[in-house]
Every structure is written in structure tokens, then in C-alpha cells.
PDB file of N, CA and C in Angstrom:
ATOM      1  N   UNK A   1       0.873  -1.276  -0.075  1.00  0.00           N
ATOM      2  CA  UNK A   1       0.015  -0.091   0.037  1.00  0.00           C
ATOM      3  C   UNK A   1       0.922   1.242   0.002  1.00  0.00           C
ATOM      4  N   UNK A   2       0.604   2.045  -0.962  1.00  0.00           N
ATOM      5  CA  UNK A   2       1.391   3.451  -0.948  1.00  0.00           C
ATOM      6  C   UNK A   2       0.906   4.376  -0.049  1.00  0.00           C
ATOM      7  N   UNK A   3       1.777   5.089   0.509  1.00  0.00           N
ATOM      8  CA  UNK A   3       1.425   6.204   1.555  1.00  0.00           C
ATOM      9  C   UNK A   3       2.292   7.318   1.535  1.00  0.00           C
ATOM     10  N   UNK A   4       1.600   8.380   1.992  1.00  0.00           N
ATOM     11  CA  UNK A   4       2.468   9.766   2.126  1.00  0.00           C
ATOM     12  C   UNK A   4       2.241  10.225   3.503  1.00  0.00           C
ATOM     13  N   UNK A   5       3.355  10.924   3.951  1.00  0.00           N
ATOM     14  CA  UNK A   5       3.170  11.719   5.229  1.00  0.00           C
ATOM     15  C   UNK A   5       2.427  13.010   4.913  1.00  0.00           C
ATOM     16  N   UNK A   6       2.009  13.774   5.898  1.00  0.00           N
ATOM     17  CA  UNK A   6       1.282  14.894   5.678  1.00  0.00           C
ATOM     18  C   UNK A   6       2.186  15.888   5.021  1.00  0.00           C
ATOM     19  N   UNK A   7       3.493  16.083   5.512  1.00  0.00           N
ATOM     20  CA  UNK A   7       4.376  17.049   4.701  1.00  0.00           C
ATOM     21  C   UNK A   7       4.685  16.637   3.261  1.00  0.00           C
ATOM     22  N   UNK A   8       4.766  15.301   2.974  1.00  0.00           N
ATOM     23  CA  UNK A   8       4.863  14.800   1.712  1.00  0.00           C
ATOM     24  C   UNK A   8       3.576  15.082   0.835  1.00  0.00           C
ATOM     25  N   UNK A   9       2.496  14.931   1.302  1.00  0.00           N
ATOM     26  CA  UNK A   9       1.335  15.326   0.604  1.00  0.00           C
ATOM     27  C   UNK A   9       1.283  16.968   0.317  1.00  0.00           C
ATOM     28  N   UNK A  10       1.702  17.808   1.318  1.00  0.00           N
ATOM     29  CA  UNK A  10       1.603  19.167   1.220  1.00  0.00           C
ATOM     30  C   UNK A  10       2.445  19.608   0.104  1.00  0.00           C
ATOM     31  N   UNK A  11       3.717  18.832   0.014  1.00  0.00           N
ATOM     32  CA  UNK A  11       4.545  19.193  -1.123  1.00  0.00           C
ATOM     33  C   UNK A  11       4.278  18.742  -2.390  1.00  0.00           C
ATOM     34  N   UNK A  12       3.507  17.619  -2.412  1.00  0.00           N
ATOM     35  CA  UNK A  12       2.923  17.073  -3.767  1.00  0.00           C
ATOM     36  C   UNK A  12       1.796  17.954  -4.216  1.00  0.00           C
ATOM     37  N   UNK A  13       1.030  18.591  -3.233  1.00  0.00           N
ATOM     38  CA  UNK A  13       0.061  19.362  -3.729  1.00  0.00           C
ATOM     39  C   UNK A  13       0.412  20.689  -4.324  1.00  0.00           C
ATOM     40  N   UNK A  14       1.668  21.139  -4.033  1.00  0.00           N
ATOM     41  CA  UNK A  14       2.118  22.268  -4.747  1.00  0.00           C
ATOM     42  C   UNK A  14       2.368  22.133  -6.250  1.00  0.00           C
ATOM     43  N   UNK A  15       2.664  20.958  -6.667  1.00  0.00           N
ATOM     44  CA  UNK A  15       2.855  20.695  -7.997  1.00  0.00           C
ATOM     45  C   UNK A  15       1.882  19.771  -8.873  1.00  0.00           C
ATOM     46  N   UNK A  16       1.118  19.163  -7.983  1.00  0.00           N
ATOM     47  CA  UNK A  16       0.227  18.035  -8.642  1.00  0.00           C
ATOM     48  C   UNK A  16      -1.186  18.248  -7.879  1.00  0.00           C
ATOM     49  N   UNK A  17      -2.133  17.375  -8.604  1.00  0.00           N
ATOM     50  CA  UNK A  17      -3.531  17.689  -8.105  1.00  0.00           C
ATOM     51  C   UNK A  17      -3.974  16.179  -7.989  1.00  0.00           C
ATOM     52  N   UNK A  18      -3.682  15.349  -6.969  1.00  0.00           N
ATOM     53  CA  UNK A  18      -4.200  14.081  -6.818  1.00  0.00           C
ATOM     54  C   UNK A  18      -5.741  14.300  -6.349  1.00  0.00           C
ATOM     55  N   UNK A  19      -6.524  13.297  -6.459  1.00  0.00           N
ATOM     56  CA  UNK A  19      -7.902  13.527  -5.913  1.00  0.00           C
ATOM     57  C   UNK A  19      -7.685  13.238  -4.391  1.00  0.00           C
ATOM     58  N   UNK A  20      -8.533  13.854  -3.620  1.00  0.00           N
ATOM     59  CA  UNK A  20      -8.432  13.850  -2.113  1.00  0.00           C
ATOM     60  C   UNK A  20      -9.826  13.380  -1.642  1.00  0.00           C
ATOM     61  N   UNK A  21      -9.866  12.168  -1.153  1.00  0.00           N
ATOM     62  CA  UNK A  21     -11.165  11.542  -0.735  1.00  0.00           C
ATOM     63  C   UNK A  21     -11.074  11.384   0.844  1.00  0.00           C
ATOM     64  N   UNK A  22     -11.886  11.983   1.627  1.00  0.00           N
ATOM     65  CA  UNK A  22     -11.955  12.114   3.060  1.00  0.00           C
ATOM     66  C   UNK A  22     -13.065  11.090   3.510  1.00  0.00           C
ATOM     67  N   UNK A  23     -12.778   9.939   4.117  1.00  0.00           N
ATOM     68  CA  UNK A  23     -13.851   8.879   4.368  1.00  0.00           C
ATOM     69  C   UNK A  23     -14.308   9.017   5.972  1.00  0.00           C
ATOM     70  N   UNK A  24     -14.078  10.134   6.534  1.00  0.00           N
ATOM     71  CA  UNK A  24     -14.698  10.349   7.818  1.00  0.00           C
ATOM     72  C   UNK A  24     -16.165  10.680   7.750  1.00  0.00           C
ATOM     73  N   UNK A  25     -16.816  10.643   8.837  1.00  0.00           N
ATOM     74  CA  UNK A  25     -18.303  11.106   8.870  1.00  0.00           C
ATOM     75  C   UNK A  25     -18.399  12.525   8.708  1.00  0.00           C
ATOM     76  N   UNK A  26     -19.603  12.919   8.001  1.00  0.00           N
ATOM     77  CA  UNK A  26     -19.766  14.439   7.814  1.00  0.00           C
ATOM     78  C   UNK A  26     -19.497  15.338   8.912  1.00  0.00           C
ATOM     79  N   UNK A  27     -19.963  14.921  10.138  1.00  0.00           N
ATOM     80  CA  UNK A  27     -19.735  15.867  11.242  1.00  0.00           C
ATOM     81  C   UNK A  27     -18.263  16.096  11.549  1.00  0.00           C
ATOM     82  N   UNK A  28     -17.267  15.058  11.222  1.00  0.00           N
ATOM     83  CA  UNK A  28     -15.852  15.205  11.367  1.00  0.00           C
ATOM     84  C   UNK A  28     -15.309  16.013  10.230  1.00  0.00           C
ATOM     85  N   UNK A  29     -15.782  15.913   9.125  1.00  0.00           N
ATOM     86  CA  UNK A  29     -15.527  16.688   7.844  1.00  0.00           C
ATOM     87  C   UNK A  29     -15.787  18.134   8.131  1.00  0.00           C
ATOM     88  N   UNK A  30     -16.901  18.432   8.883  1.00  0.00           N
ATOM     89  CA  UNK A  30     -17.364  19.686   9.078  1.00  0.00           C
ATOM     90  C   UNK A  30     -16.413  20.512  10.066  1.00  0.00           C
ATOM     91  N   UNK A  31     -15.777  19.604  10.989  1.00  0.00           N
ATOM     92  CA  UNK A  31     -14.942  20.195  11.840  1.00  0.00           C
ATOM     93  C   UNK A  31     -13.509  20.791  11.222  1.00  0.00           C
ATOM     94  N   UNK A  32     -13.033  19.993  10.354  1.00  0.00           N
ATOM     95  CA  UNK A  32     -11.760  20.225   9.660  1.00  0.00           C
ATOM     96  C   UNK A  32     -11.673  19.335   8.461  1.00  0.00           C
ATOM     97  N   UNK A  33     -10.892  19.755   7.480  1.00  0.00           N
ATOM     98  CA  UNK A  33     -10.701  18.979   6.415  1.00  0.00           C
ATOM     99  C   UNK A  33      -9.615  19.591   5.509  1.00  0.00           C
ATOM    100  N   UNK A  34      -8.926  18.872   4.667  1.00  0.00           N
ATOM    101  CA  UNK A  34      -7.794  19.452   3.860  1.00  0.00           C
ATOM    102  C   UNK A  34      -8.510  20.035   2.624  1.00  0.00           C
ATOM    103  N   UNK A  35      -8.262  21.281   2.215  1.00  0.00           N
ATOM    104  CA  UNK A  35      -8.960  21.980   1.136  1.00  0.00           C
ATOM    105  C   UNK A  35      -8.981  21.168  -0.147  1.00  0.00           C
ATOM    106  N   UNK A  36      -9.928  21.223  -0.844  1.00  0.00           N
ATOM    107  CA  UNK A  36     -10.261  20.422  -2.037  1.00  0.00           C
ATOM    108  C   UNK A  36     -10.514  19.000  -1.987  1.00  0.00           C
ATOM    109  N   UNK A  37     -10.718  18.481  -0.689  1.00  0.00           N
ATOM    110  CA  UNK A  37     -10.967  17.089  -0.472  1.00  0.00           C
ATOM    111  C   UNK A  37     -12.537  16.962  -0.574  1.00  0.00           C
ATOM    112  N   UNK A  38     -12.901  15.714  -0.975  1.00  0.00           N
ATOM    113  CA  UNK A  38     -14.233  15.449  -1.113  1.00  0.00           C
ATOM    114  C   UNK A  38     -14.678  14.421  -0.004  1.00  0.00           C
ATOM    115  N   UNK A  39     -15.769  14.553   0.683  1.00  0.00           N
ATOM    116  CA  UNK A  39     -16.225  13.613   1.669  1.00  0.00           C
ATOM    117  C   UNK A  39     -17.046  12.639   1.279  1.00  0.00           C
ATOM    118  N   UNK A  40     -16.639  11.322   1.329  1.00  0.00           N
ATOM    119  CA  UNK A  40     -17.406  10.198   1.093  1.00  0.00           C
ATOM    120  C   UNK A  40     -17.206   9.327   2.263  1.00  0.00           C
ATOM    121  N   UNK A  41     -18.192   9.237   3.161  1.00  0.00           N
ATOM    122  CA  UNK A  41     -18.006   8.625   4.413  1.00  0.00           C
ATOM    123  C   UNK A  41     -17.704   6.995   4.068  1.00  0.00           C
ATOM    124  N   UNK A  42     -16.889   6.397   5.109  1.00  0.00           N
ATOM    125  CA  UNK A  42     -16.575   4.959   4.824  1.00  0.00           C
ATOM    126  C   UNK A  42     -17.591   4.064   4.512  1.00  0.00           C
ATOM    127  N   UNK A  43     -18.739   4.216   5.247  1.00  0.00           N
ATOM    128  CA  UNK A  43     -19.988   3.392   4.896  1.00  0.00           C
ATOM    129  C   UNK A  43     -20.536   3.556   3.574  1.00  0.00           C
ATOM    130  N   UNK A  44     -20.277   4.620   2.921  1.00  0.00           N
ATOM    131  CA  UNK A  44     -20.700   4.790   1.466  1.00  0.00           C
ATOM    132  C   UNK A  44     -19.787   4.310   0.508  1.00  0.00           C
ATOM    133  N   UNK A  45     -18.668   3.986   0.864  1.00  0.00           N
ATOM    134  CA  UNK A  45     -17.612   3.634  -0.366  1.00  0.00           C
ATOM    135  C   UNK A  45     -18.161   2.347  -1.135  1.00  0.00           C
ATOM    136  N   UNK A  46     -18.672   1.351  -0.577  1.00  0.00           N
ATOM    137  CA  UNK A  46     -19.072   0.277  -1.385  1.00  0.00           C
ATOM    138  C   UNK A  46     -20.072   0.757  -2.482  1.00  0.00           C
ATOM    139  N   UNK A  47     -20.983   1.743  -2.209  1.00  0.00           N
ATOM    140  CA  UNK A  47     -21.775   2.290  -3.246  1.00  0.00           C
ATOM    141  C   UNK A  47     -21.266   3.279  -4.129  1.00  0.00           C
ATOM    142  N   UNK A  48     -19.976   3.723  -3.763  1.00  0.00           N
ATOM    143  CA  UNK A  48     -19.376   4.797  -4.623  1.00  0.00           C
ATOM    144  C   UNK A  48     -18.140   4.271  -5.453  1.00  0.00           C
ATOM    145  N   UNK A  49     -17.996   3.019  -5.480  1.00  0.00           N
ATOM    146  CA  UNK A  49     -16.781   2.492  -6.087  1.00  0.00           C
ATOM    147  C   UNK A  49     -16.609   2.955  -7.444  1.00  0.00           C
ATOM    148  N   UNK A  50     -17.681   3.189  -8.210  1.00  0.00           N
ATOM    149  CA  UNK A  50     -17.489   3.766  -9.464  1.00  0.00           C
ATOM    150  C   UNK A  50     -16.992   5.168  -9.501  1.00  0.00           C
ATOM    151  N   UNK A  51     -17.009   5.821  -8.463  1.00  0.00           N
ATOM    152  CA  UNK A  51     -16.425   7.197  -8.468  1.00  0.00           C
ATOM    153  C   UNK A  51     -14.945   7.399  -8.625  1.00  0.00           C
ATOM    154  N   UNK A  52     -14.170   6.068  -8.312  1.00  0.00           N
ATOM    155  CA  UNK A  52     -12.900   6.213  -8.231  1.00  0.00           C
ATOM    156  C   UNK A  52     -12.221   5.873  -9.594  1.00  0.00           C
ATOM    157  N   UNK A  53     -11.400   6.797 -10.071  1.00  0.00           N
ATOM    158  CA  UNK A  53     -10.816   6.747 -11.321  1.00  0.00           C
ATOM    159  C   UNK A  53      -9.402   6.272 -11.153  1.00  0.00           C
ATOM    160  N   UNK A  54      -8.974   5.131 -11.725  1.00  0.00           N
ATOM    161  CA  UNK A  54      -7.716   4.577 -11.536  1.00  0.00           C
ATOM    162  C   UNK A  54      -6.610   5.376 -12.465  1.00  0.00           C
ATOM    163  N   UNK A  55      -7.116   6.235 -13.226  1.00  0.00           N
ATOM    164  CA  UNK A  55      -6.056   7.051 -13.985  1.00  0.00           C
ATOM    165  C   UNK A  55      -5.318   8.088 -13.311  1.00  0.00           C
ATOM    166  N   UNK A  56      -5.818   8.465 -12.310  1.00  0.00           N
ATOM    167  CA  UNK A  56      -5.219   9.482 -11.383  1.00  0.00           C
ATOM    168  C   UNK A  56      -5.036   9.021 -10.027  1.00  0.00           C
ATOM    169  N   UNK A  57      -4.017   9.493  -9.242  1.00  0.00           N
ATOM    170  CA  UNK A  57      -3.795   9.073  -7.946  1.00  0.00           C
ATOM    171  C   UNK A  57      -4.890   9.554  -6.992  1.00  0.00           C
ATOM    172  N   UNK A  58      -5.308   8.801  -6.136  1.00  0.00           N
ATOM    173  CA  UNK A  58      -6.344   9.104  -5.060  1.00  0.00           C
ATOM    174  C   UNK A  58      -5.802   9.064  -3.783  1.00  0.00           C
ATOM    175  N   UNK A  59      -5.804  10.220  -2.992  1.00  0.00           N
ATOM    176  CA  UNK A  59      -5.337  10.011  -1.568  1.00  0.00           C
ATOM    177  C   UNK A  59      -6.548   9.813  -0.671  1.00  0.00           C
ATOM    178  N   UNK A  60      -6.527   8.783   0.068  1.00  0.00           N
ATOM    179  CA  UNK A  60      -7.649   8.472   1.113  1.00  0.00           C
ATOM    180  C   UNK A  60      -7.133   8.923   2.321  1.00  0.00           C
ATOM    181  N   UNK A  61      -8.144   9.765   2.897  1.00  0.00           N
ATOM    182  CA  UNK A  61      -7.863  10.503   4.242  1.00  0.00           C
ATOM    183  C   UNK A  61      -8.869  10.168   5.284  1.00  0.00           C
ATOM    184  N   UNK A  62      -8.430   9.948   6.535  1.00  0.00           N
ATOM    185  CA  UNK A  62      -9.442   9.879   7.696  1.00  0.00           C
ATOM    186  C   UNK A  62      -8.764  10.745   8.777  1.00  0.00           C
ATOM    187  N   UNK A  63      -9.088  10.326  10.017  1.00  0.00           N
ATOM    188  CA  UNK A  63      -8.604  11.107  11.211  1.00  0.00           C
ATOM    189  C   UNK A  63      -7.241  10.707  11.487  1.00  0.00           C
ATOM    190  N   UNK A  64      -6.848   9.372  11.721  1.00  0.00           N
ATOM    191  CA  UNK A  64      -5.432   9.053  12.016  1.00  0.00           C
ATOM    192  C   UNK A  64      -4.885   8.131  10.886  1.00  0.00           C
ATOM    193  N   UNK A  65      -5.558   7.793  10.055  1.00  0.00           N
ATOM    194  CA  UNK A  65      -4.945   6.781   8.920  1.00  0.00           C
ATOM    195  C   UNK A  65      -5.240   5.336   8.898  1.00  0.00           C
ATOM    196  N   UNK A  66      -6.283   5.126  10.006  1.00  0.00           N
ATOM    197  CA  UNK A  66      -6.521   3.559  10.085  1.00  0.00           C
ATOM    198  C   UNK A  66      -7.952   3.193   9.200  1.00  0.00           C
ATOM    199  N   UNK A  67      -8.870   4.109   9.264  1.00  0.00           N
ATOM    200  CA  UNK A  67     -10.108   3.828   8.371  1.00  0.00           C
ATOM    201  C   UNK A  67      -9.679   4.063   6.941  1.00  0.00           C
ATOM    202  N   UNK A  68      -8.770   4.914   6.614  1.00  0.00           N
ATOM    203  CA  UNK A  68      -8.300   5.116   5.259  1.00  0.00           C
ATOM    204  C   UNK A  68      -7.627   3.865   4.801  1.00  0.00           C
ATOM    205  N   UNK A  69      -6.755   3.254   5.648  1.00  0.00           N
ATOM    206  CA  UNK A  69      -6.232   1.883   5.223  1.00  0.00           C
ATOM    207  C   UNK A  69      -7.004   0.873   5.083  1.00  0.00           C
ATOM    208  N   UNK A  70      -8.248   0.734   5.784  1.00  0.00           N
ATOM    209  CA  UNK A  70      -9.270  -0.205   5.568  1.00  0.00           C
ATOM    210  C   UNK A  70      -9.962  -0.029   4.200  1.00  0.00           C
ATOM    211  N   UNK A  71     -10.244   1.299   3.890  1.00  0.00           N
ATOM    212  CA  UNK A  71     -10.914   1.575   2.562  1.00  0.00           C
ATOM    213  C   UNK A  71     -10.098   1.283   1.432  1.00  0.00           C
ATOM    214  N   UNK A  72      -8.721   1.557   1.519  1.00  0.00           N
ATOM    215  CA  UNK A  72      -7.918   1.137   0.489  1.00  0.00           C
ATOM    216  C   UNK A  72      -7.815  -0.343   0.355  1.00  0.00           C
ATOM    217  N   UNK A  73      -7.790  -1.143   1.469  1.00  0.00           N
ATOM    218  CA  UNK A  73      -7.795  -2.576   1.145  1.00  0.00           C
ATOM    219  C   UNK A  73      -9.029  -3.038   0.476  1.00  0.00           C
ATOM    220  N   UNK A  74     -10.261  -2.419   0.793  1.00  0.00           N
ATOM    221  CA  UNK A  74     -11.423  -2.714   0.279  1.00  0.00           C
ATOM    222  C   UNK A  74     -11.479  -2.429  -1.231  1.00  0.00           C
ATOM    223  N   UNK A  75     -11.055  -1.277  -1.595  1.00  0.00           N
ATOM    224  CA  UNK A  75     -10.986  -0.674  -2.929  1.00  0.00           C
ATOM    225  C   UNK A  75     -10.029  -1.531  -3.928  1.00  0.00           C
ATOM    226  N   UNK A  76      -8.892  -2.067  -3.079  1.00  0.00           N
ATOM    227  CA  UNK A  76      -7.943  -2.810  -3.906  1.00  0.00           C
ATOM    228  C   UNK A  76      -8.637  -4.065  -4.234  1.00  0.00           C
ATOM    229  N   UNK A  77      -9.362  -4.667  -3.505  1.00  0.00           N
ATOM    230  CA  UNK A  77     -10.210  -5.988  -3.723  1.00  0.00           C
ATOM    231  C   UNK A  77     -11.206  -5.678  -4.979  1.00  0.00           C
ATOM    232  N   UNK A  78     -11.522  -4.520  -5.059  1.00  0.00           N
ATOM    233  CA  UNK A  78     -12.523  -4.159  -6.169  1.00  0.00           C
ATOM    234  C   UNK A  78     -11.887  -3.700  -7.454  1.00  0.00           C
ATOM    235  N   UNK A  79     -10.403  -3.933  -7.376  1.00  0.00           N
ATOM    236  CA  UNK A  79      -9.506  -3.612  -8.511  1.00  0.00           C
ATOM    237  C   UNK A  79      -9.475  -2.272  -8.816  1.00  0.00           C
ATOM    238  N   UNK A  80      -9.521  -1.395  -7.772  1.00  0.00           N
ATOM    239  CA  UNK A  80      -9.440   0.108  -8.082  1.00  0.00           C
ATOM    240  C   UNK A  80      -7.845   0.357  -7.566  1.00  0.00           C
ATOM    241  N   UNK A  81      -6.998   1.006  -8.452  1.00  0.00           N
ATOM    242  CA  UNK A  81      -5.693   1.174  -8.207  1.00  0.00           C
ATOM    243  C   UNK A  81      -5.532   2.655  -8.052  1.00  0.00           C
ATOM    244  N   UNK A  82      -4.279   3.083  -8.114  1.00  0.00           N
ATOM    245  CA  UNK A  82      -3.830   4.462  -7.803  1.00  0.00           C
ATOM    246  C   UNK A  82      -4.268   4.949  -6.505  1.00  0.00           C
ATOM    247  N   UNK A  83      -4.106   4.174  -5.508  1.00  0.00           N
ATOM    248  CA  UNK A  83      -4.699   4.683  -4.080  1.00  0.00           C
ATOM    249  C   UNK A  83      -3.313   5.044  -3.170  1.00  0.00           C
ATOM    250  N   UNK A  84      -3.568   5.899  -2.509  1.00  0.00           N
ATOM    251  CA  UNK A  84      -2.524   6.428  -1.492  1.00  0.00           C
ATOM    252  C   UNK A  84      -3.124   6.656  -0.207  1.00  0.00           C
ATOM    253  N   UNK A  85      -2.499   6.118   0.835  1.00  0.00           N
ATOM    254  CA  UNK A  85      -2.949   6.403   2.236  1.00  0.00           C
ATOM    255  C   UNK A  85      -2.276   7.727   2.743  1.00  0.00           C
ATOM    256  N   UNK A  86      -3.013   8.539   3.533  1.00  0.00           N
ATOM    257  CA  UNK A  86      -2.418   9.710   4.298  1.00  0.00           C
ATOM    258  C   UNK A  86      -1.997   9.205   5.643  1.00  0.00           C
ATOM    259  N   UNK A  87      -0.828   8.836   5.819  1.00  0.00           N
ATOM    260  CA  UNK A  87      -0.308   8.398   7.239  1.00  0.00           C
ATOM    261  C   UNK A  87      -0.536   9.488   8.196  1.00  0.00           C
ATOM    262  N   UNK A  88      -1.192   9.039   9.275  1.00  0.00           N
ATOM    263  CA  UNK A  88      -1.588  10.035  10.465  1.00  0.00           C
ATOM    264  C   UNK A  88      -2.851  10.735  10.169  1.00  0.00           C
ATOM    265  N   UNK A  89      -3.557  10.652   8.904  1.00  0.00           N
ATOM    266  CA  UNK A  89      -4.669  11.307   8.696  1.00  0.00           C
ATOM    267  C   UNK A  89      -4.716  12.771   8.799  1.00  0.00           C
ATOM    268  N   UNK A  90      -6.004  13.282   8.873  1.00  0.00           N
ATOM    269  CA  UNK A  90      -6.032  14.860   9.088  1.00  0.00           C
ATOM    270  C   UNK A  90      -5.520  15.417  10.343  1.00  0.00           C
ATOM    271  N   UNK A  91      -5.398  14.512  11.324  1.00  0.00           N
ATOM    272  CA  UNK A  91      -4.777  14.834  12.630  1.00  0.00           C
ATOM    273  C   UNK A  91      -3.302  15.301  12.409  1.00  0.00           C
ATOM    274  N   UNK A  92      -2.510  14.457  11.497  1.00  0.00           N
ATOM    275  CA  UNK A  92      -1.181  14.794  11.268  1.00  0.00           C
ATOM    276  C   UNK A  92      -1.056  15.864  10.387  1.00  0.00           C
ATOM    277  N   UNK A  93      -2.005  16.089   9.426  1.00  0.00           N
ATOM    278  CA  UNK A  93      -2.016  17.260   8.683  1.00  0.00           C
ATOM    279  C   UNK A  93      -1.953  18.556   9.597  1.00  0.00           C
ATOM    280  N   UNK A  94      -3.001  18.570  10.514  1.00  0.00           N
ATOM    281  CA  UNK A  94      -3.174  19.589  11.424  1.00  0.00           C
ATOM    282  C   UNK A  94      -1.940  20.051  12.193  1.00  0.00           C
ATOM    283  N   UNK A  95      -1.263  18.918  12.684  1.00  0.00           N
ATOM    284  CA  UNK A  95      -0.003  19.014  13.517  1.00  0.00           C
ATOM    285  C   UNK A  95       1.177  19.343  12.973  1.00  0.00           C
ATOM    286  N   UNK A  96       1.233  19.109  11.488  1.00  0.00           N
ATOM    287  CA  UNK A  96       2.659  19.119  10.838  1.00  0.00           C
ATOM    288  C   UNK A  96       2.569  20.255   9.621  1.00  0.00           C
ATOM    289  N   UNK A  97       1.277  20.468   9.126  1.00  0.00           N
ATOM    290  CA  UNK A  97       1.128  21.346   7.893  1.00  0.00           C
ATOM    291  C   UNK A  97       0.320  22.599   8.198  1.00  0.00           C
ATOM    292  N   UNK A  98      -0.762  22.320   8.824  1.00  0.00           N
ATOM    293  CA  UNK A  98      -1.642  23.618   9.137  1.00  0.00           C
ATOM    294  C   UNK A  98      -2.079  23.622  10.534  1.00  0.00           C
ATOM    295  N   UNK A  99      -1.094  24.351  11.330  1.00  0.00           N
ATOM    296  CA  UNK A  99      -1.276  24.397  12.735  1.00  0.00           C
ATOM    297  C   UNK A  99      -2.568  25.159  13.181  1.00  0.00           C
ATOM    298  N   UNK A 100      -3.202  25.915  12.213  1.00  0.00           N
ATOM    299  CA  UNK A 100      -4.416  26.644  12.581  1.00  0.00           C
ATOM    300  C   UNK A 100      -5.570  25.887  12.359  1.00  0.00           C
ATOM    301  N   UNK A 101      -5.573  24.554  11.805  1.00  0.00           N
ATOM    302  CA  UNK A 101      -6.595  23.691  11.696  1.00  0.00           C
ATOM    303  C   UNK A 101      -7.004  23.199  12.947  1.00  0.00           C
ATOM    304  N   UNK A 102      -8.518  23.169  13.144  1.00  0.00           N
ATOM    305  CA  UNK A 102      -8.904  22.635  14.457  1.00  0.00           C
ATOM    306  C   UNK A 102      -8.733  21.158  14.489  1.00  0.00           C
ATOM    307  N   UNK A 103      -8.564  20.660  15.683  1.00  0.00           N
ATOM    308  CA  UNK A 103      -8.339  19.241  15.959  1.00  0.00           C
ATOM    309  C   UNK A 103      -9.270  18.793  16.926  1.00  0.00           C
ATOM    310  N   UNK A 104      -9.665  17.422  16.783  1.00  0.00           N
ATOM    311  CA  UNK A 104     -10.561  16.920  17.786  1.00  0.00           C
ATOM    312  C   UNK A 104     -10.107  15.534  18.278  1.00  0.00           C
TER     313      UNK A 104
END
């Protein structure tokens, strides 16, 4: 499974536009999220498999990187490729990239 740290993702976003999918619940997404990310809660992923384009990298994001890992494992079983896990999730992003972002 491919993964990026929060600083690595921030650097990549300066020159590239991978798709950012946040699999947290809507109430979590409302508290904080990485700009330009799309919220598809983990429970909705099986119904949204067709939304994943294997031609572009897709970074899967959650709170700490655990749910996103599970989502990637599921999607890989569905033959969806080009997936990247954000290690440490949005919490790591807030702590290392955007210290003004709310944490919970």
C-alpha cells in the first residue's frame, strides 16, 4: 500500500492535483478537512466504487490513517488502483502542515 506523510502530501499538492477523498463522517469533515477534499464517508464507499478513477492518484484521508487503510484494502479488492493512504490522517496534517486547523 502506498502512503504519504502529511508534509509529503503538502509538497505534492504544490505541483500536482491528486484526488483527495476524506472517508470520515460528515460531522468530522465539518470540523476540519484538507482543502479540495471530497467527503465520502467510509460506509458509503461500497456504493461509490464507480467514483474512483484509476487513471489519477487518489489520496484516501481519515482522522488518524486507520479507516483510510481499511478503505484502500477494500478498494484494492475491487480492482481500484492508484490509491495512496495519508499516514496519520487529517490529525497529522493539522499538527505538521496547518497548525491553525482545528483538531478533535
